[in-house]
Amino acid sequence: LARSRSARPAGRRRRGTRPRLPATPRPTRAPRPALAACLEGSLTATMSEAFDCAKCSESLYGRKYIQTDNGPYCVPCYDNTFANTCAECQQLIGHDSRELFYEDRHFHEGCFRCCRCQRSLADEPFTCQDSELLCNDCYCSAFSSQCSACGETVMPGSRKLEYGGQTWHEHCFLCSSCEQPLGSRSFVPDKGAHYCVPCYENKFAPRCARCSKTLTQGGVTYRDQPWHRECLVCTGCQTPLAGQQFTSRDDDPYCVACFGELFAPKCSSCKRPITGLGEGKYVSFEDRHWHHSCFSCARCSTSLVGQGFVPDGDQVLCQGCSQAGP
């Protein structure tokens, strides 16, 4: 009997690469165990020639078989021995099925799909989250942030900004006033809005009562208004007044020295100004004024504060000196 010499491959797979994370090349068909030959047809031989399956030992005459390095196998034995189990449906991936794999898991081509929307991932980029395969759309919907400005998904790997538990596309994070991108610039949050520093200062920062420029730090308050420290100066001598005693006249600030020289009454005894500051208390009589320390008897120098006194021309005398005569 003549032996058939013809052979044709059955179910040969293409070689491929493992699928990667999103934005990588799409997965291709996984390689299968090498097949030495795949013959089908009616084979004849002499009855003395054994041609049996290497596993079940049944005759392969007239049956399909697959040749391996260990010998020929009938199709059922080949699948039971060499085929992988699909990680999705738990069925064997037969020799005539297209197979995909990811890491150490194998799938029928039809079972390799997104676990949420069931879209086939055979020709799609995908990712793996907690052992679940997800298409890009489902992954972004489930695990990516939404831009607080435009409401669209912030795609993994794209440039983004985060602040206060919110996320923005880099080009969506804008100053609420000038609408310029804030990027890595300093900004000031205010009632849900975000401002670059110049816009915030122009819009909200207090302004100096003297120069009308914004105060960013280190100001002082005078008459319930903010001032730069360097702007609060004596109206008379321009000496800085921050941190020292001063007074005012007609809303203008003056240091103690200038106020005394310009406006304060003079002590009738020492001729120095009575400012109400420092030597604060004073005594007045008619159109004359004295510091408390200067109001004393012109003869015996006894203090007349709280005591009776007798005016004697430009002088004041205690009652004893007045009664004693000249």
Foldseek 3Di string as FASTA:
>chain_A
DDFDDDFDDALAADDWDAADAPPDAATAFHHFPDFPGKGAAAGDDDPVDAQAAPPPRHGCGRATWTADPSGIHGQVVCQVVGFDAAPQPRHTQGSNFTWHDHDPHIHGQQRCAAPPPSHRRNRAHWDADPNGIHGQVVCQVPPFAAAPQPRHTDHPPADWDDDPRHIHRQQRCAQPPPRHRCRPADWDDDPNGIHGPVVCQVPPAFAAPQPRHGDDDDWDADPNHTHHQQVQAAPPPRHRCPPHDWDDDPPGIHRQVVCQVPPFAAALFPRGGQRCPPLNDWDDDDPHIHRQCRQAAPPPRHRCVVHDWDDDPSGIHHPVVVVVPD
